[in-house]
PDB file of N, CA and C in Angstrom:
ATOM      1  N   MET A   1     295.481 161.497 184.834  1.00  0.00           N
ATOM      2  CA  MET A   1     294.836 162.545 184.108  1.00  0.00           C
ATOM      3  C   MET A   1     293.806 162.985 184.975  1.00  0.00           C
ATOM      4  N   LYS A   2     293.659 164.576 184.522  1.00  0.00           N
ATOM      5  CA  LYS A   2     292.295 164.944 185.511  1.00  0.00           C
ATOM      6  C   LYS A   2     292.030 165.896 184.223  1.00  0.00           C
ATOM      7  N   ALA A   3     289.895 165.448 184.653  1.00  0.00           N
ATOM      8  CA  ALA A   3     290.159 166.536 184.054  1.00  0.00           C
ATOM      9  C   ALA A   3     288.286 166.860 184.563  1.00  0.00           C
ATOM     10  N   ILE A   4     287.795 168.508 184.049  1.00  0.00           N
ATOM     11  CA  ILE A   4     286.630 168.661 185.002  1.00  0.00           C
ATOM     12  C   ILE A   4     284.908 168.928 183.845  1.00  0.00           C
ATOM     13  N   PHE A   5     284.395 168.365 184.065  1.00  0.00           N
ATOM     14  CA  PHE A   5     283.373 168.450 182.741  1.00  0.00           C
ATOM     15  C   PHE A   5     282.062 168.911 183.618  1.00  0.00           C
ATOM     16  N   THR A   6     280.864 169.247 183.397  1.00  0.00           N
ATOM     17  CA  THR A   6     280.031 169.415 182.968  1.00  0.00           C
ATOM     18  C   THR A   6     278.430 168.949 182.643  1.00  0.00           C
ATOM     19  N   THR A   7     277.217 168.553 184.102  1.00  0.00           N
ATOM     20  CA  THR A   7     276.906 167.261 183.490  1.00  0.00           C
ATOM     21  C   THR A   7     275.488 167.949 184.471  1.00  0.00           C
ATOM     22  N   GLY A   8     273.940 167.894 184.711  1.00  0.00           N
ATOM     23  CA  GLY A   8     273.046 168.022 185.314  1.00  0.00           C
ATOM     24  C   GLY A   8     273.180 169.823 185.732  1.00  0.00           C
ATOM     25  N   GLY A   9     274.044 170.242 185.569  1.00  0.00           N
ATOM     26  CA  GLY A   9     274.070 172.024 186.049  1.00  0.00           C
ATOM     27  C   GLY A   9     274.998 171.969 186.942  1.00  0.00           C
ATOM     28  N   LYS A  10     276.216 170.646 187.435  1.00  0.00           N
ATOM     29  CA  LYS A  10     277.307 171.046 188.614  1.00  0.00           C
ATOM     30  C   LYS A  10     278.247 170.411 187.648  1.00  0.00           C
ATOM     31  N   GLN A  11     279.671 170.911 188.273  1.00  0.00           N
ATOM     32  CA  GLN A  11     280.954 170.989 187.452  1.00  0.00           C
ATOM     33  C   GLN A  11     281.141 169.180 188.232  1.00  0.00           C
ATOM     34  N   TYR A  12     281.912 168.361 188.021  1.00  0.00           N
ATOM     35  CA  TYR A  12     282.425 167.198 188.233  1.00  0.00           C
ATOM     36  C   TYR A  12     283.815 167.845 187.820  1.00  0.00           C
ATOM     37  N   TYR A  13     285.193 167.098 188.799  1.00  0.00           N
ATOM     38  CA  TYR A  13     286.412 167.041 188.914  1.00  0.00           C
ATOM     39  C   TYR A  13     286.938 165.643 189.315  1.00  0.00           C
ATOM     40  N   VAL A  14     287.301 165.093 187.651  1.00  0.00           N
ATOM     41  CA  VAL A  14     287.234 163.477 187.627  1.00  0.00           C
ATOM     42  C   VAL A  14     288.644 162.701 187.867  1.00  0.00           C
ATOM     43  N   SER A  15     289.424 161.784 187.954  1.00  0.00           N
ATOM     44  CA  SER A  15     290.322 161.078 187.179  1.00  0.00           C
ATOM     45  C   SER A  15     289.619 160.114 186.580  1.00  0.00           C
ATOM     46  N   GLU A  16     291.023 159.165 185.661  1.00  0.00           N
ATOM     47  CA  GLU A  16     290.105 157.780 185.387  1.00  0.00           C
ATOM     48  C   GLU A  16     289.889 156.807 186.844  1.00  0.00           C
ATOM     49  N   LYS A  17     289.305 155.499 186.632  1.00  0.00           N
ATOM     50  CA  LYS A  17     289.004 154.913 187.514  1.00  0.00           C
ATOM     51  C   LYS A  17     288.368 155.662 188.260  1.00  0.00           C
ATOM     52  N   ASP A  18     287.897 156.884 188.839  1.00  0.00           N
ATOM     53  CA  ASP A  18     287.139 157.430 189.782  1.00  0.00           C
ATOM     54  C   ASP A  18     285.256 157.013 189.334  1.00  0.00           C
ATOM     55  N   GLU A  19     284.957 157.245 190.642  1.00  0.00           N
ATOM     56  CA  GLU A  19     283.429 156.548 191.061  1.00  0.00           C
ATOM     57  C   GLU A  19     282.499 158.011 191.342  1.00  0.00           C
ATOM     58  N   ILE A  20     281.393 158.591 190.142  1.00  0.00           N
ATOM     59  CA  ILE A  20     280.996 159.934 190.478  1.00  0.00           C
ATOM     60  C   ILE A  20     279.061 159.298 190.843  1.00  0.00           C
ATOM     61  N   TYR A  21     278.852 159.776 191.732  1.00  0.00           N
ATOM     62  CA  TYR A  21     277.703 159.966 191.869  1.00  0.00           C
ATOM     63  C   TYR A  21     276.486 161.430 190.878  1.00  0.00           C
ATOM     64  N   VAL A  22     275.460 161.202 189.637  1.00  0.00           N
ATOM     65  CA  VAL A  22     275.528 162.687 189.577  1.00  0.00           C
ATOM     66  C   VAL A  22     273.901 162.625 188.900  1.00  0.00           C
ATOM     67  N   GLU A  23     273.357 163.624 189.064  1.00  0.00           N
ATOM     68  CA  GLU A  23     271.624 163.197 188.852  1.00  0.00           C
ATOM     69  C   GLU A  23     271.953 163.005 187.580  1.00  0.00           C
ATOM     70  N   LYS A  24     270.354 162.006 187.245  1.00  0.00           N
ATOM     71  CA  LYS A  24     270.038 160.446 186.876  1.00  0.00           C
ATOM     72  C   LYS A  24     269.494 161.596 185.502  1.00  0.00           C
ATOM     73  N   LEU A  25     270.306 159.944 184.875  1.00  0.00           N
ATOM     74  CA  LEU A  25     270.771 160.510 183.039  1.00  0.00           C
ATOM     75  C   LEU A  25     269.818 158.777 183.498  1.00  0.00           C
ATOM     76  N   PRO A  26     268.931 159.171 181.714  1.00  0.00           N
ATOM     77  CA  PRO A  26     268.545 158.375 180.541  1.00  0.00           C
ATOM     78  C   PRO A  26     269.223 156.973 180.146  1.00  0.00           C
ATOM     79  N   ASN A  27     270.139 157.079 180.550  1.00  0.00           N
ATOM     80  CA  ASN A  27     271.217 155.530 179.850  1.00  0.00           C
ATOM     81  C   ASN A  27     270.976 154.373 180.763  1.00  0.00           C
ATOM     82  N   GLU A  28     271.125 153.186 180.033  1.00  0.00           N
ATOM     83  CA  GLU A  28     270.503 151.765 180.510  1.00  0.00           C
ATOM     84  C   GLU A  28     271.675 151.245 181.785  1.00  0.00           C
ATOM     85  N   VAL A  29     271.683 150.468 182.455  1.00  0.00           N
ATOM     86  CA  VAL A  29     272.747 150.692 183.293  1.00  0.00           C
ATOM     87  C   VAL A  29     273.432 148.975 182.350  1.00  0.00           C
ATOM     88  N   GLY A  30     275.010 149.495 182.863  1.00  0.00           N
ATOM     89  CA  GLY A  30     276.651 149.054 181.442  1.00  0.00           C
ATOM     90  C   GLY A  30     276.530 149.626 180.084  1.00  0.00           C
ATOM     91  N   SER A  31     275.642 150.198 179.557  1.00  0.00           N
ATOM     92  CA  SER A  31     275.919 151.366 178.576  1.00  0.00           C
ATOM     93  C   SER A  31     276.790 152.419 179.746  1.00  0.00           C
ATOM     94  N   GLU A  32     277.529 152.866 178.101  1.00  0.00           N
ATOM     95  CA  GLU A  32     278.254 153.763 178.468  1.00  0.00           C
ATOM     96  C   GLU A  32     278.123 155.628 177.794  1.00  0.00           C
ATOM     97  N   VAL A  33     278.565 156.287 178.376  1.00  0.00           N
ATOM     98  CA  VAL A  33     278.039 158.280 178.725  1.00  0.00           C
ATOM     99  C   VAL A  33     279.580 158.752 178.315  1.00  0.00           C
ATOM    100  N   THR A  34     278.833 159.387 176.916  1.00  0.00           N
ATOM    101  CA  THR A  34     280.112 160.262 176.934  1.00  0.00           C
ATOM    102  C   THR A  34     280.013 161.749 177.316  1.00  0.00           C
ATOM    103  N   PHE A  35     280.361 162.806 177.610  1.00  0.00           N
ATOM    104  CA  PHE A  35     280.821 164.194 178.150  1.00  0.00           C
ATOM    105  C   PHE A  35     281.322 164.930 177.068  1.00  0.00           C
ATOM    106  N   THR A  36     281.395 165.462 176.547  1.00  0.00           N
ATOM    107  CA  THR A  36     282.092 166.640 175.858  1.00  0.00           C
ATOM    108  C   THR A  36     281.987 167.809 176.109  1.00  0.00           C
ATOM    109  N   THR A  37     281.188 168.243 177.370  1.00  0.00           N
ATOM    110  CA  THR A  37     282.079 170.005 177.505  1.00  0.00           C
ATOM    111  C   THR A  37     282.304 169.509 179.102  1.00  0.00           C
ATOM    112  N   VAL A  38     283.825 169.537 178.278  1.00  0.00           N
ATOM    113  CA  VAL A  38     284.507 169.230 178.955  1.00  0.00           C
ATOM    114  C   VAL A  38     285.498 170.713 179.545  1.00  0.00           C
ATOM    115  N   LEU A  39     285.240 171.442 180.432  1.00  0.00           N
ATOM    116  CA  LEU A  39     286.145 172.516 180.755  1.00  0.00           C
ATOM    117  C   LEU A  39     287.367 172.946 180.636  1.00  0.00           C
ATOM    118  N   ALA A  40     288.361 171.865 181.466  1.00  0.00           N
ATOM    119  CA  ALA A  40     289.707 171.653 181.780  1.00  0.00           C
ATOM    120  C   ALA A  40     290.408 169.847 181.403  1.00  0.00           C
ATOM    121  N   ILE A  41     291.075 169.958 181.200  1.00  0.00           N
ATOM    122  CA  ILE A  41     292.085 168.543 181.372  1.00  0.00           C
ATOM    123  C   ILE A  41     293.201 168.839 181.540  1.00  0.00           C
ATOM    124  N   ASP A  42     293.889 168.204 182.439  1.00  0.00           N
ATOM    125  CA  ASP A  42     295.231 168.322 182.785  1.00  0.00           C
ATOM    126  C   ASP A  42     295.714 170.578 183.145  1.00  0.00           C
ATOM    127  N   ASP A  43     296.483 170.748 182.298  1.00  0.00           N
ATOM    128  CA  ASP A  43     296.728 172.219 182.163  1.00  0.00           C
ATOM    129  C   ASP A  43     295.707 173.091 181.042  1.00  0.00           C
ATOM    130  N   LYS A  44     295.169 171.830 180.150  1.00  0.00           N
ATOM    131  CA  LYS A  44     294.323 173.069 178.914  1.00  0.00           C
ATOM    132  C   LYS A  44     292.920 173.916 179.363  1.00  0.00           C
ATOM    133  N   VAL A  45     292.532 174.510 179.536  1.00  0.00           N
ATOM    134  CA  VAL A  45     291.679 175.390 179.463  1.00  0.00           C
ATOM    135  C   VAL A  45     290.821 175.463 179.226  1.00  0.00           C
ATOM    136  N   GLY A  46     289.952 175.226 178.738  1.00  0.00           N
ATOM    137  CA  GLY A  46     288.863 176.061 177.456  1.00  0.00           C
ATOM    138  C   GLY A  46     287.954 177.618 177.759  1.00  0.00           C
ATOM    139  N   THR A  47     287.709 177.989 176.449  1.00  0.00           N
ATOM    140  CA  THR A  47     286.599 178.624 176.176  1.00  0.00           C
ATOM    141  C   THR A  47     285.056 178.671 175.684  1.00  0.00           C
ATOM    142  N   PRO A  48     284.048 178.550 175.926  1.00  0.00           N
ATOM    143  CA  PRO A  48     284.747 177.910 177.070  1.00  0.00           C
ATOM    144  C   PRO A  48     284.582 176.301 177.326  1.00  0.00           C
ATOM    145  N   TYR A  49     284.563 175.574 176.243  1.00  0.00           N
ATOM    146  CA  TYR A  49     285.019 174.110 176.523  1.00  0.00           C
ATOM    147  C   TYR A  49     286.311 173.607 175.533  1.00  0.00           C
ATOM    148  N   VAL A  50     286.976 172.575 175.815  1.00  0.00           N
ATOM    149  CA  VAL A  50     287.938 172.005 175.274  1.00  0.00           C
ATOM    150  C   VAL A  50     287.316 171.362 174.190  1.00  0.00           C
ATOM    151  N   GLU A  51     288.294 171.778 172.657  1.00  0.00           N
ATOM    152  CA  GLU A  51     287.820 171.314 172.058  1.00  0.00           C
ATOM    153  C   GLU A  51     288.179 169.719 172.070  1.00  0.00           C
ATOM    154  N   GLY A  52     287.302 169.062 171.837  1.00  0.00           N
ATOM    155  CA  GLY A  52     287.339 167.769 170.927  1.00  0.00           C
ATOM    156  C   GLY A  52     287.687 166.371 172.168  1.00  0.00           C
ATOM    157  N   ALA A  53     287.476 167.430 173.543  1.00  0.00           N
ATOM    158  CA  ALA A  53     287.325 166.166 174.696  1.00  0.00           C
ATOM    159  C   ALA A  53     286.443 165.694 174.890  1.00  0.00           C
ATOM    160  N   LYS A  54     286.999 164.469 176.110  1.00  0.00           N
ATOM    161  CA  LYS A  54     285.631 163.730 175.903  1.00  0.00           C
ATOM    162  C   LYS A  54     285.840 162.960 177.019  1.00  0.00           C
ATOM    163  N   VAL A  55     285.094 162.835 177.939  1.00  0.00           N
ATOM    164  CA  VAL A  55     285.275 161.728 179.021  1.00  0.00           C
ATOM    165  C   VAL A  55     284.037 160.783 179.066  1.00  0.00           C
ATOM    166  N   VAL A  56     284.193 159.533 178.923  1.00  0.00           N
ATOM    167  CA  VAL A  56     284.326 158.502 178.879  1.00  0.00           C
ATOM    168  C   VAL A  56     283.608 157.594 180.194  1.00  0.00           C
ATOM    169  N   CYS A  57     282.417 157.300 180.908  1.00  0.00           N
ATOM    170  CA  CYS A  57     282.075 157.286 181.547  1.00  0.00           C
ATOM    171  C   CYS A  57     280.654 156.106 181.691  1.00  0.00           C
ATOM    172  N   GLU A  58     280.880 154.287 182.568  1.00  0.00           N
ATOM    173  CA  GLU A  58     280.384 153.431 182.429  1.00  0.00           C
ATOM    174  C   GLU A  58     279.257 154.027 183.507  1.00  0.00           C
ATOM    175  N   VAL A  59     277.503 153.442 182.938  1.00  0.00           N
ATOM    176  CA  VAL A  59     276.930 153.974 184.255  1.00  0.00           C
ATOM    177  C   VAL A  59     276.778 152.117 185.156  1.00  0.00           C
ATOM    178  N   LEU A  60     277.316 152.550 186.641  1.00  0.00           N
ATOM    179  CA  LEU A  60     276.564 151.421 187.269  1.00  0.00           C
ATOM    180  C   LEU A  60     275.870 151.323 187.782  1.00  0.00           C
ATOM    181  N   LYS A  61     275.270 152.007 188.296  1.00  0.00           N
ATOM    182  CA  LYS A  61     273.556 151.944 188.639  1.00  0.00           C
ATOM    183  C   LYS A  61     272.947 152.905 188.885  1.00  0.00           C
ATOM    184  N   HIS A  62     271.100 152.954 188.885  1.00  0.00           N
ATOM    185  CA  HIS A  62     270.861 153.624 189.491  1.00  0.00           C
ATOM    186  C   HIS A  62     269.747 154.218 190.969  1.00  0.00           C
ATOM    187  N   GLY A  63     269.865 154.816 191.704  1.00  0.00           N
ATOM    188  CA  GLY A  63     269.183 155.000 192.934  1.00  0.00           C
ATOM    189  C   GLY A  63     268.389 156.241 193.245  1.00  0.00           C
ATOM    190  N   ARG A  64     268.160 156.296 194.381  1.00  0.00           N
ATOM    191  CA  ARG A  64     267.480 157.221 195.152  1.00  0.00           C
ATOM    192  C   ARG A  64     268.839 157.531 196.464  1.00  0.00           C
ATOM    193  N   GLN A  65     269.060 158.371 196.613  1.00  0.00           N
ATOM    194  CA  GLN A  65     269.913 159.453 198.424  1.00  0.00           C
ATOM    195  C   GLN A  65     268.579 158.912 199.016  1.00  0.00           C
ATOM    196  N   LYS A  66     269.332 159.521 200.764  1.00  0.00           N
ATOM    197  CA  LYS A  66     268.374 159.087 202.323  1.00  0.00           C
ATOM    198  C   LYS A  66     266.951 159.968 201.312  1.00  0.00           C
ATOM    199  N   LYS A  67     266.269 159.657 202.337  1.00  0.00           N
ATOM    200  CA  LYS A  67     265.214 161.207 202.073  1.00  0.00           C
ATOM    201  C   LYS A  67     265.088 162.509 203.357  1.00  0.00           C
ATOM    202  N   ILE A  68     265.198 163.671 202.431  1.00  0.00           N
ATOM    203  CA  ILE A  68     265.548 164.333 203.446  1.00  0.00           C
ATOM    204  C   ILE A  68     263.887 165.149 203.698  1.00  0.00           C
ATOM    205  N   LYS A  69     263.346 165.584 205.439  1.00  0.00           N
ATOM    206  CA  LYS A  69     262.666 166.421 205.270  1.00  0.00           C
ATOM    207  C   LYS A  69     261.887 167.206 205.264  1.00  0.00           C
ATOM    208  N   VAL A  70     261.247 168.417 204.479  1.00  0.00           N
ATOM    209  CA  VAL A  70     261.332 170.025 204.904  1.00  0.00           C
ATOM    210  C   VAL A  70     260.102 169.922 205.240  1.00  0.00           C
ATOM    211  N   PHE A  71     260.171 170.880 206.364  1.00  0.00           N
ATOM    212  CA  PHE A  71     259.019 171.377 207.133  1.00  0.00           C
ATOM    213  C   PHE A  71     259.134 172.503 207.502  1.00  0.00           C
ATOM    214  N   LYS A  72     257.542 173.491 207.382  1.00  0.00           N
ATOM    215  CA  LYS A  72     257.450 174.992 207.163  1.00  0.00           C
ATOM    216  C   LYS A  72     256.557 174.840 207.717  1.00  0.00           C
ATOM    217  N   TYR A  73     256.517 176.221 209.065  1.00  0.00           N
ATOM    218  CA  TYR A  73     255.398 176.397 209.903  1.00  0.00           C
ATOM    219  C   TYR A  73     255.722 178.479 209.713  1.00  0.00           C
ATOM    220  N   ARG A  74     254.855 178.629 210.172  1.00  0.00           N
ATOM    221  CA  ARG A  74     253.930 179.495 210.485  1.00  0.00           C
ATOM    222  C   ARG A  74     254.030 180.324 211.713  1.00  0.00           C
ATOM    223  N   PRO A  75     255.209 180.566 212.475  1.00  0.00           N
ATOM    224  CA  PRO A  75     254.372 180.694 213.833  1.00  0.00           C
ATOM    225  C   PRO A  75     252.868 181.353 214.674  1.00  0.00           C
ATOM    226  N   LYS A  76     252.568 180.978 215.413  1.00  0.00           N
ATOM    227  CA  LYS A  76     250.686 181.709 216.588  1.00  0.00           C
ATOM    228  C   LYS A  76     250.480 181.402 215.156  1.00  0.00           C
ATOM    229  N   LYS A  77     249.810 180.735 213.589  1.00  0.00           N
ATOM    230  CA  LYS A  77     248.898 180.877 212.567  1.00  0.00           C
ATOM    231  C   LYS A  77     248.648 179.364 212.660  1.00  0.00           C
ATOM    232  N   LYS A  78     249.162 178.455 213.146  1.00  0.00           N
ATOM    233  CA  LYS A  78     248.837 177.086 213.019  1.00  0.00           C
ATOM    234  C   LYS A  78     248.801 176.493 211.850  1.00  0.00           C
ATOM    235  N   TYR A  79     249.645 177.004 210.692  1.00  0.00           N
ATOM    236  CA  TYR A  79     250.198 176.057 209.708  1.00  0.00           C
ATOM    237  C   TYR A  79     251.538 175.054 209.403  1.00  0.00           C
ATOM    238  N   ARG A  80     251.475 174.308 209.639  1.00  0.00           N
ATOM    239  CA  ARG A  80     252.274 172.858 209.180  1.00  0.00           C
ATOM    240  C   ARG A  80     252.196 172.199 208.284  1.00  0.00           C
ATOM    241  N   LYS A  81     253.262 172.271 207.557  1.00  0.00           N
ATOM    242  CA  LYS A  81     253.338 171.101 206.651  1.00  0.00           C
ATOM    243  C   LYS A  81     254.850 170.338 206.045  1.00  0.00           C
ATOM    244  N   THR A  82     254.138 169.216 206.714  1.00  0.00           N
ATOM    245  CA  THR A  82     255.633 168.358 206.387  1.00  0.00           C
ATOM    246  C   THR A  82     255.719 167.527 204.935  1.00  0.00           C
ATOM    247  N   GLN A  83     257.230 167.821 204.487  1.00  0.00           N
ATOM    248  CA  GLN A  83     257.328 167.028 203.299  1.00  0.00           C
ATOM    249  C   GLN A  83     257.832 166.379 203.072  1.00  0.00           C
ATOM    250  N   GLY A  84     258.432 165.320 202.263  1.00  0.00           N
ATOM    251  CA  GLY A  84     259.863 164.913 202.086  1.00  0.00           C
ATOM    252  C   GLY A  84     260.774 164.056 200.518  1.00  0.00           C
ATOM    253  N   HIS A  85     261.467 164.378 200.407  1.00  0.00           N
ATOM    254  CA  HIS A  85     262.330 163.788 199.723  1.00  0.00           C
ATOM    255  C   HIS A  85     262.766 163.095 199.174  1.00  0.00           C
ATOM    256  N   ARG A  86     263.845 162.545 197.898  1.00  0.00           N
ATOM    257  CA  ARG A  86     264.021 161.703 198.011  1.00  0.00           C
ATOM    258  C   ARG A  86     264.643 162.037 196.077  1.00  0.00           C
ATOM    259  N   GLN A  87     266.088 162.557 196.485  1.00  0.00           N
ATOM    260  CA  GLN A  87     266.954 163.046 194.650  1.00  0.00           C
ATOM    261  C   GLN A  87     266.831 161.790 194.147  1.00  0.00           C
ATOM    262  N   PRO A  88     267.316 161.585 192.908  1.00  0.00           N
ATOM    263  CA  PRO A  88     267.981 160.121 192.022  1.00  0.00           C
ATOM    264  C   PRO A  88     268.939 160.909 191.093  1.00  0.00           C
ATOM    265  N   TYR A  89     269.853 159.738 191.900  1.00  0.00           N
ATOM    266  CA  TYR A  89     271.543 159.740 190.541  1.00  0.00           C
ATOM    267  C   TYR A  89     270.591 159.260 190.343  1.00  0.00           C
ATOM    268  N   THR A  90     272.606 159.029 189.399  1.00  0.00           N
ATOM    269  CA  THR A  90     273.230 158.259 188.657  1.00  0.00           C
ATOM    270  C   THR A  90     274.397 158.210 188.736  1.00  0.00           C
ATOM    271  N   LYS A  91     274.868 156.524 189.762  1.00  0.00           N
ATOM    272  CA  LYS A  91     276.468 155.960 190.345  1.00  0.00           C
ATOM    273  C   LYS A  91     277.062 155.683 188.158  1.00  0.00           C
ATOM    274  N   LEU A  92     278.651 156.598 188.485  1.00  0.00           N
ATOM    275  CA  LEU A  92     279.082 156.079 186.946  1.00  0.00           C
ATOM    276  C   LEU A  92     280.996 156.184 187.392  1.00  0.00           C
ATOM    277  N   VAL A  93     281.538 155.473 186.733  1.00  0.00           N
ATOM    278  CA  VAL A  93     282.425 155.601 186.641  1.00  0.00           C
ATOM    279  C   VAL A  93     283.147 155.088 185.670  1.00  0.00           C
ATOM    280  N   VAL A  94     284.535 156.805 186.058  1.00  0.00           N
ATOM    281  CA  VAL A  94     285.412 156.899 184.173  1.00  0.00           C
ATOM    282  C   VAL A  94     285.879 155.626 183.800  1.00  0.00           C
ATOM    283  N   LYS A  95     285.468 155.729 182.695  1.00  0.00           N
ATOM    284  CA  LYS A  95     286.659 154.786 182.014  1.00  0.00           C
ATOM    285  C   LYS A  95     287.831 155.476 181.090  1.00  0.00           C
ATOM    286  N   LYS A  96     287.925 156.591 180.373  1.00  0.00           N
ATOM    287  CA  LYS A  96     289.159 157.043 179.775  1.00  0.00           C
ATOM    288  C   LYS A  96     288.590 158.557 179.371  1.00  0.00           C
ATOM    289  N   ILE A  97     289.567 159.139 179.522  1.00  0.00           N
ATOM    290  CA  ILE A  97     289.715 160.720 179.382  1.00  0.00           C
ATOM    291  C   ILE A  97     290.866 160.972 178.082  1.00  0.00           C
ATOM    292  N   SER A  98     290.155 161.667 176.986  1.00  0.00           N
ATOM    293  CA  SER A  98     291.190 162.094 175.935  1.00  0.00           C
ATOM    294  C   SER A  98     290.505 163.417 174.906  1.00  0.00           C
TER     295      SER A  98
END
């Protein structure tokens, strides 16, 4: 069974036992998270969401992605600015789609 759900402003296409990385969630490691904003399950498409549908996931870990460097400059003006960023994430495993 496959489903499309939303979290953190993004859509995820998953099936059972998939491991996915989503925007950081406030849940503890080992706890379950239920997503009810399901856009589609197999052939059922909701308007905007499928009623009574849910995706249950388990939180595996929290972490931060690799650092990216942001470099800004203005030519001929002696303006240079370097900045780094590491995006936090939550790793989930899909337990059940219903």
